[in-house]
Amino acid sequence: MTFDTTEMEMETTDMDMDTTYYTSTVDTCSLADITADTNPEDDCDLFSLSRTLDDDDNSMMVLCGYTDTDTDTKYVLITLTIPSEFWFGVGFKTEADAADHSGMYGYAVIIPLCDRDDIQERSLTGQGVGGLGTALTASSIEVFEDSIADGTRTIRLKRLVTDEDASSFDFATFGSCSASVQVIWARGASTGNQWAEALSAYHSTFRGNMDITLDMYEEEDCDVESAVYSVNGLLALCISALFAKLLC
């Protein structure tokens, strides 16, 4: 991996505060691919979902919860398809945390531009340039696969479903088809802007959030389960109406 960096000063207004901040830039990048012999996504026995995060960037996320059959350890594989010319971050919040804290708050994974050695799990402290928070001290995250082709980076990150750090997100929150989690994401404001903990990486308006539920839970199709509940509810309504008519 090789890259050249320069430092640039920019001014921005965020959260009604005038803030001058610094971010480094990457001019050139050469990052060797990492590939794996196996693909856990072939057997997501715990849960799975696939979502488009940003239509403009064609950013996508796939989550696969699976059990390692050799050790019986539960892992989650986070696959991100993202623009290769920006740093990128994705995070997760429970419904309660999302209700109490809007914006960039809580657990997040930060993927630097042209770098896989400094991928961080962080506990963000809120909206704005000053909300970078702190890196988690206990982290099980590792790079499973990473490749760049035609301006798109596909990276698969593997970590424990339930990690040791209290600030980490517990993916066991996905305990049913109806369990809802808020996902947040952001990327660098300009091409080549690098994430840097000691500086003030900034995403400007290139961010978003959405509430998500599972596509599959314990190998059962959640759409089918929802349809069954809907049919059962309709049958119950029809039976109630029939009894009411008979009694009248």
C-alpha atoms as a PDB file:
ATOM      1  CA  MET A   1       0.000   0.000   0.000  1.00  0.00           C
ATOM      2  CA  THR A   2       1.375   3.401  -0.948  1.00  0.00           C
ATOM      3  CA  PHE A   3      -0.086   6.862  -0.741  1.00  0.00           C
ATOM      4  CA  ASP A   4       1.012  10.481  -0.617  1.00  0.00           C
ATOM      5  CA  THR A   5      -0.608  12.903   1.793  1.00  0.00           C
ATOM      6  CA  THR A   6      -0.891  16.653   2.007  1.00  0.00           C
ATOM      7  CA  GLU A   7      -2.625  18.766   4.607  1.00  0.00           C
ATOM      8  CA  MET A   8      -5.281  21.310   3.809  1.00  0.00           C
ATOM      9  CA  GLU A   9      -7.267  23.841   5.830  1.00  0.00           C
ATOM     10  CA  MET A  10     -10.984  24.219   5.277  1.00  0.00           C
ATOM     11  CA  GLU A  11     -13.727  26.219   6.938  1.00  0.00           C
ATOM     12  CA  THR A  12     -17.238  25.005   7.540  1.00  0.00           C
ATOM     13  CA  THR A  13     -20.312  25.893   9.546  1.00  0.00           C
ATOM     14  CA  ASP A  14     -21.982  23.067  11.461  1.00  0.00           C
ATOM     15  CA  MET A  15     -24.460  23.077  14.324  1.00  0.00           C
ATOM     16  CA  ASP A  16     -24.400  26.899  14.227  1.00  0.00           C
ATOM     17  CA  MET A  17     -20.697  26.928  15.061  1.00  0.00           C
ATOM     18  CA  ASP A  18     -17.934  28.363  12.846  1.00  0.00           C
ATOM     19  CA  THR A  19     -15.218  25.722  12.925  1.00  0.00           C
ATOM     20  CA  THR A  20     -11.870  25.650  11.169  1.00  0.00           C
ATOM     21  CA  TYR A  21     -10.673  22.091  10.862  1.00  0.00           C
ATOM     22  CA  TYR A  22      -7.954  20.123   9.141  1.00  0.00           C
ATOM     23  CA  THR A  23      -8.075  16.929   7.163  1.00  0.00           C
ATOM     24  CA  SER A  24      -5.368  15.123   5.194  1.00  0.00           C
ATOM     25  CA  THR A  25      -5.763  14.087   1.571  1.00  0.00           C
ATOM     26  CA  VAL A  26      -4.685  11.001  -0.334  1.00  0.00           C
ATOM     27  CA  ASP A  27      -3.390  11.743  -3.828  1.00  0.00           C
ATOM     28  CA  THR A  28      -2.574   8.248  -5.056  1.00  0.00           C
ATOM     29  CA  CYS A  29      -3.467   4.804  -3.761  1.00  0.00           C
ATOM     30  CA  SER A  30      -2.339   1.249  -4.337  1.00  0.00           C
ATOM     31  CA  LEU A  31      -4.012  -1.310  -2.090  1.00  0.00           C
ATOM     32  CA  ALA A  32      -3.502  -5.039  -2.601  1.00  0.00           C
ATOM     33  CA  ASP A  33      -6.661  -7.168  -2.566  1.00  0.00           C
ATOM     34  CA  ILE A  34      -7.489  -9.502   0.302  1.00  0.00           C
ATOM     35  CA  THR A  35      -9.624 -12.494  -0.642  1.00  0.00           C
ATOM     36  CA  ALA A  36     -11.048 -15.402   1.343  1.00  0.00           C
ATOM     37  CA  ASP A  37     -11.489 -19.054   0.376  1.00  0.00           C
ATOM     38  CA  THR A  38     -14.899 -19.269   1.993  1.00  0.00           C
ATOM     39  CA  ASN A  39     -17.951 -17.010   2.034  1.00  0.00           C
ATOM     40  CA  PRO A  40     -20.029 -17.054   5.248  1.00  0.00           C
ATOM     41  CA  GLU A  41     -22.837 -15.361   3.323  1.00  0.00           C
ATOM     42  CA  ASP A  42     -23.593 -18.797   1.896  1.00  0.00           C
ATOM     43  CA  ASP A  43     -24.962 -19.803   5.303  1.00  0.00           C
ATOM     44  CA  CYS A  44     -26.318 -16.888   7.360  1.00  0.00           C
ATOM     45  CA  ASP A  45     -27.982 -19.122   9.933  1.00  0.00           C
ATOM     46  CA  LEU A  46     -28.574 -16.309  12.469  1.00  0.00           C
ATOM     47  CA  PHE A  47     -29.824 -13.396  10.353  1.00  0.00           C
ATOM     48  CA  SER A  48     -29.252 -11.474   7.151  1.00  0.00           C
ATOM     49  CA  LEU A  49     -30.265  -8.269   5.396  1.00  0.00           C
ATOM     50  CA  SER A  50     -29.250  -6.215   2.377  1.00  0.00           C
ATOM     51  CA  ARG A  51     -29.841  -2.480   2.005  1.00  0.00           C
ATOM     52  CA  THR A  52     -28.877   0.355  -0.318  1.00  0.00           C
ATOM     53  CA  LEU A  53     -27.471   3.163   1.827  1.00  0.00           C
ATOM     54  CA  ASP A  54     -27.073   5.871  -0.791  1.00  0.00           C
ATOM     55  CA  ASP A  55     -28.477   5.767  -4.325  1.00  0.00           C
ATOM     56  CA  ASP A  56     -26.171   8.508  -5.597  1.00  0.00           C
ATOM     57  CA  ASP A  57     -23.020   6.717  -4.447  1.00  0.00           C
ATOM     58  CA  ASN A  58     -24.419   3.219  -5.014  1.00  0.00           C
ATOM     59  CA  SER A  59     -23.342   2.446  -1.461  1.00  0.00           C
ATOM     60  CA  MET A  60     -24.710  -0.864  -0.192  1.00  0.00           C
ATOM     61  CA  MET A  61     -24.543  -2.903   3.016  1.00  0.00           C
ATOM     62  CA  VAL A  62     -25.097  -6.604   3.635  1.00  0.00           C
ATOM     63  CA  LEU A  63     -25.226  -8.090   7.146  1.00  0.00           C
ATOM     64  CA  CYS A  64     -24.792 -11.806   7.690  1.00  0.00           C
ATOM     65  CA  GLY A  65     -24.996 -13.325  11.166  1.00  0.00           C
ATOM     66  CA  TYR A  66     -23.592 -16.834  11.215  1.00  0.00           C
ATOM     67  CA  THR A  67     -22.237 -19.528  13.492  1.00  0.00           C
ATOM     68  CA  ASP A  68     -18.707 -20.862  13.044  1.00  0.00           C
ATOM     69  CA  THR A  69     -19.339 -24.599  12.925  1.00  0.00           C
ATOM     70  CA  ASP A  70     -15.833 -25.416  14.185  1.00  0.00           C
ATOM     71  CA  THR A  71     -15.978 -23.271  17.337  1.00  0.00           C
ATOM     72  CA  ASP A  72     -19.740 -22.587  17.699  1.00  0.00           C
ATOM     73  CA  THR A  73     -18.833 -18.876  17.873  1.00  0.00           C
ATOM     74  CA  LYS A  74     -21.367 -16.370  16.551  1.00  0.00           C
ATOM     75  CA  TYR A  75     -20.067 -13.754  14.118  1.00  0.00           C
ATOM     76  CA  VAL A  76     -21.497 -10.981  11.987  1.00  0.00           C
ATOM     77  CA  LEU A  77     -20.068 -10.225   8.563  1.00  0.00           C
ATOM     78  CA  ILE A  78     -20.519  -6.604   7.468  1.00  0.00           C
ATOM     79  CA  THR A  79     -20.113  -6.242   3.700  1.00  0.00           C
ATOM     80  CA  LEU A  80     -19.912  -2.700   2.350  1.00  0.00           C
ATOM     81  CA  THR A  81     -19.844  -1.667  -1.299  1.00  0.00           C
ATOM     82  CA  ILE A  82     -18.661   1.944  -1.256  1.00  0.00           C
ATOM     83  CA  PRO A  83     -16.914   4.561  -3.436  1.00  0.00           C
ATOM     84  CA  SER A  84     -13.175   3.907  -3.313  1.00  0.00           C
ATOM     85  CA  GLU A  85     -12.177   7.589  -3.317  1.00  0.00           C
ATOM     86  CA  PHE A  86     -13.654   8.453   0.110  1.00  0.00           C
ATOM     87  CA  TRP A  87     -13.323   7.355   3.720  1.00  0.00           C
ATOM     88  CA  PHE A  88     -16.568   5.753   4.846  1.00  0.00           C
ATOM     89  CA  GLY A  89     -18.298   5.104   8.161  1.00  0.00           C
ATOM     90  CA  VAL A  90     -21.308   2.995   9.136  1.00  0.00           C
ATOM     91  CA  GLY A  91     -22.940   2.671  12.545  1.00  0.00           C
ATOM     92  CA  PHE A  92     -25.850   1.058  14.350  1.00  0.00           C
ATOM     93  CA  LYS A  93     -28.241   2.235  17.063  1.00  0.00           C
ATOM     94  CA  THR A  94     -30.970   0.510  19.018  1.00  0.00           C
ATOM     95  CA  GLU A  95     -34.489   1.976  18.824  1.00  0.00           C
ATOM     96  CA  ALA A  96     -34.025   3.486  22.295  1.00  0.00           C
ATOM     97  CA  ASP A  97     -30.703   5.135  21.400  1.00  0.00           C
ATOM     98  CA  ALA A  98     -32.136   6.418  18.124  1.00  0.00           C
ATOM     99  CA  ALA A  99     -35.052   7.980  20.013  1.00  0.00           C
ATOM    100  CA  ASP A 100     -32.733   9.665  22.523  1.00  0.00           C
ATOM    101  CA  HIS A 101     -29.877  10.664  20.212  1.00  0.00           C
ATOM    102  CA  SER A 102     -30.261  11.849  16.633  1.00  0.00           C
ATOM    103  CA  GLY A 103     -27.487  12.083  14.068  1.00  0.00           C
ATOM    104  CA  MET A 104     -24.021  10.595  14.328  1.00  0.00           C
ATOM    105  CA  TYR A 105     -24.176   9.050  17.768  1.00  0.00           C
ATOM    106  CA  GLY A 106     -23.159   5.675  19.157  1.00  0.00           C
ATOM    107  CA  TYR A 107     -21.306   2.716  17.688  1.00  0.00           C
ATOM    108  CA  ALA A 108     -19.679   3.122  14.285  1.00  0.00           C
ATOM    109  CA  VAL A 109     -17.037   1.475  12.118  1.00  0.00           C
ATOM    110  CA  ILE A 110     -14.723   3.909  10.316  1.00  0.00           C
ATOM    111  CA  ILE A 111     -12.962   2.743   7.145  1.00  0.00           C
ATOM    112  CA  PRO A 112     -10.128   5.083   6.130  1.00  0.00           C
ATOM    113  CA  LEU A 113      -9.437   5.857   2.503  1.00  0.00           C
ATOM    114  CA  CYS A 114      -6.770   3.575   1.001  1.00  0.00           C
ATOM    115  CA  ASP A 115      -6.069   1.977   4.359  1.00  0.00           C
ATOM    116  CA  ARG A 116      -7.197  -1.156   6.169  1.00  0.00           C
ATOM    117  CA  ASP A 117      -4.701  -1.113   9.030  1.00  0.00           C
ATOM    118  CA  ASP A 118      -6.414   1.766  10.833  1.00  0.00           C
ATOM    119  CA  ILE A 119     -10.051   0.614  10.586  1.00  0.00           C
ATOM    120  CA  GLN A 120     -11.666   1.634  13.871  1.00  0.00           C
ATOM    121  CA  GLU A 121     -14.731   0.886  15.916  1.00  0.00           C
ATOM    122  CA  ARG A 122     -15.699   4.124  17.647  1.00  0.00           C
ATOM    123  CA  SER A 123     -18.252   5.461  20.069  1.00  0.00           C
ATOM    124  CA  LEU A 124     -19.450   8.697  18.472  1.00  0.00           C
ATOM    125  CA  THR A 125     -20.642  11.450  20.779  1.00  0.00           C
ATOM    126  CA  GLY A 126     -22.988  13.376  18.528  1.00  0.00           C
ATOM    127  CA  GLN A 127     -23.575  15.583  15.534  1.00  0.00           C
ATOM    128  CA  GLY A 128     -20.926  17.883  14.165  1.00  0.00           C
ATOM    129  CA  VAL A 129     -17.192  18.141  13.741  1.00  0.00           C
ATOM    130  CA  GLY A 130     -16.623  17.705  17.481  1.00  0.00           C
ATOM    131  CA  GLY A 131     -18.502  14.411  17.723  1.00  0.00           C
ATOM    132  CA  LEU A 132     -15.748  11.996  16.721  1.00  0.00           C
ATOM    133  CA  GLY A 133     -15.849  10.306  20.120  1.00  0.00           C
ATOM    134  CA  THR A 134     -13.306   7.674  21.096  1.00  0.00           C
ATOM    135  CA  ALA A 135     -12.001   4.418  19.672  1.00  0.00           C
ATOM    136  CA  LEU A 136     -13.170   1.232  21.370  1.00  0.00           C
ATOM    137  CA  THR A 137     -10.460  -0.328  23.500  1.00  0.00           C
ATOM    138  CA  ALA A 138     -11.642  -3.924  23.044  1.00  0.00           C
ATOM    139  CA  SER A 139     -12.391  -4.808  19.434  1.00  0.00           C
ATOM    140  CA  SER A 140     -12.801  -8.130  17.645  1.00  0.00           C
ATOM    141  CA  ILE A 141     -13.192  -6.640  14.179  1.00  0.00           C
ATOM    142  CA  GLU A 142     -11.011  -7.944  11.372  1.00  0.00           C
ATOM    143  CA  VAL A 143     -10.834  -7.569   7.609  1.00  0.00           C
ATOM    144  CA  PHE A 144     -12.205 -10.682   5.918  1.00  0.00           C
ATOM    145  CA  GLU A 145     -11.998  -9.425   2.329  1.00  0.00           C
ATOM    146  CA  ASP A 146     -11.110  -6.114   0.688  1.00  0.00           C
ATOM    147  CA  SER A 147     -10.816  -5.189  -2.986  1.00  0.00           C
ATOM    148  CA  ILE A 148     -11.093  -2.168  -5.281  1.00  0.00           C
ATOM    149  CA  ALA A 149     -12.298  -2.264  -8.883  1.00  0.00           C
ATOM    150  CA  ASP A 150     -13.664   0.432 -11.211  1.00  0.00           C
ATOM    151  CA  GLY A 151     -13.928   3.054  -8.462  1.00  0.00           C
ATOM    152  CA  THR A 152     -15.791   0.755  -6.059  1.00  0.00           C
ATOM    153  CA  ARG A 153     -14.421  -0.741  -2.856  1.00  0.00           C
ATOM    154  CA  THR A 154     -15.940  -3.947  -1.536  1.00  0.00           C
ATOM    155  CA  ILE A 155     -14.896  -4.694   2.019  1.00  0.00           C
ATOM    156  CA  ARG A 156     -16.073  -7.466   4.328  1.00  0.00           C
ATOM    157  CA  LEU A 157     -15.524  -6.960   8.045  1.00  0.00           C
ATOM    158  CA  LYS A 158     -15.935  -9.772  10.536  1.00  0.00           C
ATOM    159  CA  ARG A 159     -16.585  -9.364  14.274  1.00  0.00           C
ATOM    160  CA  LEU A 160     -18.304 -11.088  17.148  1.00  0.00           C
ATOM    161  CA  VAL A 161     -22.083 -10.723  17.316  1.00  0.00           C
ATOM    162  CA  THR A 162     -21.683  -9.682  20.967  1.00  0.00           C
ATOM    163  CA  ASP A 163     -18.383  -7.940  21.692  1.00  0.00           C
ATOM    164  CA  GLU A 164     -16.674  -7.283  25.009  1.00  0.00           C
ATOM    165  CA  ASP A 165     -16.612  -3.481  24.895  1.00  0.00           C
ATOM    166  CA  ALA A 166     -19.687  -1.956  26.532  1.00  0.00           C
ATOM    167  CA  SER A 167     -19.733   0.782  23.865  1.00  0.00           C
ATOM    168  CA  SER A 168     -19.938  -1.739  21.048  1.00  0.00           C
ATOM    169  CA  PHE A 169     -23.211  -2.555  19.303  1.00  0.00           C
ATOM    170  CA  ASP A 170     -24.724  -5.913  20.203  1.00  0.00           C
ATOM    171  CA  PHE A 171     -25.945  -7.512  16.979  1.00  0.00           C
ATOM    172  CA  ALA A 172     -27.991  -9.918  19.078  1.00  0.00           C
ATOM    173  CA  THR A 173     -30.420  -6.957  19.043  1.00  0.00           C
ATOM    174  CA  PHE A 174     -31.558  -8.560  15.783  1.00  0.00           C
ATOM    175  CA  GLY A 175     -33.521 -11.122  17.787  1.00  0.00           C
ATOM    176  CA  SER A 176     -36.552 -11.441  15.529  1.00  0.00           C
ATOM    177  CA  CYS A 177     -37.922 -10.429  12.145  1.00  0.00           C
ATOM    178  CA  SER A 178     -39.634  -7.435  13.735  1.00  0.00           C
ATOM    179  CA  ALA A 179     -36.552  -6.123  15.583  1.00  0.00           C
ATOM    180  CA  SER A 180     -35.727  -2.630  14.299  1.00  0.00           C
ATOM    181  CA  VAL A 181     -32.282  -0.997  14.302  1.00  0.00           C
ATOM    182  CA  GLN A 182     -31.204   2.386  12.967  1.00  0.00           C
ATOM    183  CA  VAL A 183     -28.203   2.374  10.653  1.00  0.00           C
ATOM    184  CA  ILE A 184     -26.195   5.577  10.118  1.00  0.00           C
ATOM    185  CA  TRP A 185     -23.536   6.235   7.519  1.00  0.00           C
ATOM    186  CA  ALA A 186     -21.274   8.999   6.231  1.00  0.00           C
ATOM    187  CA  ARG A 187     -18.383   9.510   3.856  1.00  0.00           C
ATOM    188  CA  GLY A 188     -15.697  12.105   3.209  1.00  0.00           C
ATOM    189  CA  ALA A 189     -16.859  15.461   1.922  1.00  0.00           C
ATOM    190  CA  SER A 190     -14.433  15.573  -1.002  1.00  0.00           C
ATOM    191  CA  THR A 191     -12.542  13.111  -3.165  1.00  0.00           C
ATOM    192  CA  GLY A 192      -9.278  12.136  -1.478  1.00  0.00           C
ATOM    193  CA  ASN A 193     -10.176  13.448   2.001  1.00  0.00           C
ATOM    194  CA  GLN A 194      -8.747  11.072   4.570  1.00  0.00           C
ATOM    195  CA  TRP A 195     -10.139  10.060   7.926  1.00  0.00           C
ATOM    196  CA  ALA A 196      -7.779  11.097  10.718  1.00  0.00           C
ATOM    197  CA  GLU A 197      -8.547  10.663  14.415  1.00  0.00           C
ATOM    198  CA  ALA A 198      -6.227  13.431  15.566  1.00  0.00           C
ATOM    199  CA  LEU A 199      -7.654  15.826  13.008  1.00  0.00           C
ATOM    200  CA  SER A 200     -11.301  16.582  12.354  1.00  0.00           C
ATOM    201  CA  ALA A 201     -12.567  14.420   9.531  1.00  0.00           C
ATOM    202  CA  TYR A 202     -15.787  15.846   8.205  1.00  0.00           C
ATOM    203  CA  HIS A 203     -18.587  14.463   6.081  1.00  0.00           C
ATOM    204  CA  SER A 204     -20.577  17.679   5.460  1.00  0.00           C
ATOM    205  CA  THR A 205     -23.964  16.686   4.000  1.00  0.00           C
ATOM    206  CA  PHE A 206     -22.765  13.262   2.802  1.00  0.00           C
ATOM    207  CA  ARG A 207     -24.510  11.257   5.487  1.00  0.00           C
ATOM    208  CA  GLY A 208     -27.785   9.509   6.206  1.00  0.00           C
ATOM    209  CA  ASN A 209     -29.747   7.124   8.389  1.00  0.00           C
ATOM    210  CA  MET A 210     -32.582   4.629   8.085  1.00  0.00           C
ATOM    211  CA  ASP A 211     -34.465   2.161  10.240  1.00  0.00           C
ATOM    212  CA  ILE A 212     -33.898  -1.423   9.143  1.00  0.00           C
ATOM    213  CA  THR A 213     -35.374  -4.834   9.883  1.00  0.00           C
ATOM    214  CA  LEU A 214     -34.135  -8.244   8.835  1.00  0.00           C
ATOM    215  CA  ASP A 215     -34.682 -10.006   5.524  1.00  0.00           C
ATOM    216  CA  MET A 216     -34.003 -13.407   7.103  1.00  0.00           C
ATOM    217  CA  TYR A 217     -33.998 -14.572  10.720  1.00  0.00           C
ATOM    218  CA  GLU A 218     -32.770 -18.042  11.660  1.00  0.00           C
ATOM    219  CA  GLU A 219     -33.085 -19.009   7.983  1.00  0.00           C
ATOM    220  CA  GLU A 220     -36.749 -17.991   7.826  1.00  0.00           C
ATOM    221  CA  ASP A 221     -37.896 -15.406   5.274  1.00  0.00           C
ATOM    222  CA  CYS A 222     -39.115 -12.361   7.228  1.00  0.00           C
ATOM    223  CA  ASP A 223     -41.330 -11.206   4.346  1.00  0.00           C
ATOM    224  CA  VAL A 224     -43.101 -14.561   4.425  1.00  0.00           C
ATOM    225  CA  GLU A 225     -43.492 -14.330   8.201  1.00  0.00           C
ATOM    226  CA  SER A 226     -44.983 -10.848   7.876  1.00  0.00           C
ATOM    227  CA  ALA A 227     -47.360 -12.109   5.205  1.00  0.00           C
ATOM    228  CA  VAL A 228     -48.470 -14.971   7.468  1.00  0.00           C
ATOM    229  CA  TYR A 229     -49.165 -12.515  10.299  1.00  0.00           C
ATOM    230  CA  SER A 230     -51.142 -10.320   7.893  1.00  0.00           C
ATOM    231  CA  VAL A 231     -53.222 -13.266   6.659  1.00  0.00           C
ATOM    232  CA  ASN A 232     -53.834 -14.456  10.224  1.00  0.00           C
ATOM    233  CA  GLY A 233     -54.898 -10.962  11.213  1.00  0.00           C
ATOM    234  CA  LEU A 234     -57.282 -10.759   8.266  1.00  0.00           C
ATOM    235  CA  LEU A 235     -58.781 -14.166   9.117  1.00  0.00           C
ATOM    236  CA  ALA A 236     -59.282 -13.093  12.732  1.00  0.00           C
ATOM    237  CA  LEU A 237     -61.013  -9.920  11.556  1.00  0.00           C
ATOM    238  CA  CYS A 238     -63.305 -11.878   9.215  1.00  0.00           C
ATOM    239  CA  ILE A 239     -64.188 -14.404  11.936  1.00  0.00           C
ATOM    240  CA  SER A 240     -64.963 -11.584  14.373  1.00  0.00           C
ATOM    241  CA  ALA A 241     -67.190  -9.926  11.773  1.00  0.00           C
ATOM    242  CA  LEU A 242     -68.977 -13.215  11.061  1.00  0.00           C
ATOM    243  CA  PHE A 243     -69.718 -13.788  14.740  1.00  0.00           C
ATOM    244  CA  ALA A 244     -70.930 -10.227  15.106  1.00  0.00           C
ATOM    245  CA  LYS A 245     -73.303 -10.728  12.173  1.00  0.00           C
ATOM    246  CA  LEU A 246     -74.653 -13.982  13.620  1.00  0.00           C
ATOM    247  CA  LEU A 247     -75.304 -12.349  16.963  1.00  0.00           C
ATOM    248  CA  CYS A 248     -77.159  -9.404  15.440  1.00  0.00           C
END
